[in-house]
């Protein structure tokens, strides 16, 4: 009976750090992936805003040319 416990604990001592390391790596990669997606979304929103502003500037320039 005690040999079963010793064998179990020796496996735990060997495999527990490996399992914890794998879980930590998975969490790190998920965090990086989520951060990249958010940055891509932000850049897409910023591009839309810049396009909107440039269109408005073009409209203002056309109106100013009409006034002249």
Protein backbone atom coordinates (compact mmCIF):
# COMPACT_ATOMS: atom_id res chain seq x y z
CA UNK A 1 0.00 0.00 0.00
CA UNK A 2 2.75 2.44 0.88
CA UNK A 3 4.61 1.59 -2.32
CA UNK A 4 1.55 2.67 -4.31
CA UNK A 5 1.52 6.01 -2.49
CA UNK A 6 5.25 6.46 -3.01
CA UNK A 7 4.92 5.70 -6.70
CA UNK A 8 1.99 8.12 -7.00
CA UNK A 9 3.85 10.90 -5.21
CA UNK A 10 6.98 10.38 -7.30
CA UNK A 11 4.85 10.72 -10.46
CA UNK A 12 3.26 13.85 -9.02
CA UNK A 13 6.69 15.30 -8.26
CA UNK A 14 7.80 14.64 -11.82
CA UNK A 15 4.68 15.56 -13.78
CA UNK A 16 3.21 18.40 -11.72
CA UNK A 17 5.84 20.99 -12.76
CA UNK A 18 5.47 19.88 -16.38
CA UNK A 19 1.68 20.24 -16.25
CA UNK A 20 1.91 23.63 -14.54
CA UNK A 21 4.43 24.83 -17.14
CA UNK A 22 2.19 23.71 -20.01
CA UNK A 23 -0.84 25.44 -18.49
CA UNK A 24 1.20 28.61 -17.94
CA UNK A 25 2.38 28.60 -21.58
CA UNK A 26 -1.17 28.10 -22.83
CA UNK A 27 -2.38 31.04 -20.73
CA UNK A 28 0.47 33.25 -21.93
CA UNK A 29 -0.22 32.45 -25.61
CA UNK A 30 -3.95 33.08 -25.14
CA UNK A 31 -3.19 36.47 -23.55
CA UNK A 32 -0.85 37.40 -26.41
CA UNK A 33 -3.44 36.33 -28.99
CA UNK A 34 -6.17 38.34 -27.27
CA UNK A 35 -3.91 41.41 -27.10
CA UNK A 36 -3.09 41.11 -30.82
CA UNK A 37 -6.78 40.89 -31.72
CA UNK A 38 -7.58 43.97 -29.66
CA UNK A 39 -4.75 45.93 -31.26
CA UNK A 40 -5.96 44.91 -34.74
CA UNK A 41 -9.48 46.05 -33.84
CA UNK A 42 -8.12 49.35 -32.53
CA UNK A 43 -6.12 49.97 -35.69
CA UNK A 44 -9.18 49.22 -37.84
CA UNK A 45 -11.26 51.70 -35.83
CA UNK A 46 -8.53 54.33 -36.09
CA UNK A 47 -8.38 53.81 -39.86
CA UNK A 48 -12.15 54.30 -40.12
CA UNK A 49 -11.89 57.49 -38.07
CA UNK A 50 -9.09 58.83 -40.27
CA UNK A 51 -11.09 58.04 -43.41
CA UNK A 52 -14.11 59.84 -41.97
CA UNK A 53 -12.05 62.89 -41.05
CA UNK A 54 -10.35 63.01 -44.46
CA UNK A 55 -13.75 62.81 -46.18
CA UNK A 56 -15.02 65.68 -44.05
CA UNK A 57 -11.92 67.74 -44.84
CA UNK A 58 -12.46 67.11 -48.56
CA UNK A 59 -16.08 68.22 -48.24
CA UNK A 60 -15.01 71.41 -46.45
CA UNK A 61 -12.42 72.11 -49.15
CA UNK A 62 -15.07 71.69 -51.86
CA UNK A 63 -17.39 74.09 -50.04
CA UNK A 64 -14.60 76.63 -49.67
CA UNK A 65 -13.83 76.40 -53.40
CA UNK A 66 -17.51 76.98 -54.16
CA UNK A 67 -17.50 80.09 -51.98
CA UNK A 68 -14.48 81.51 -53.82
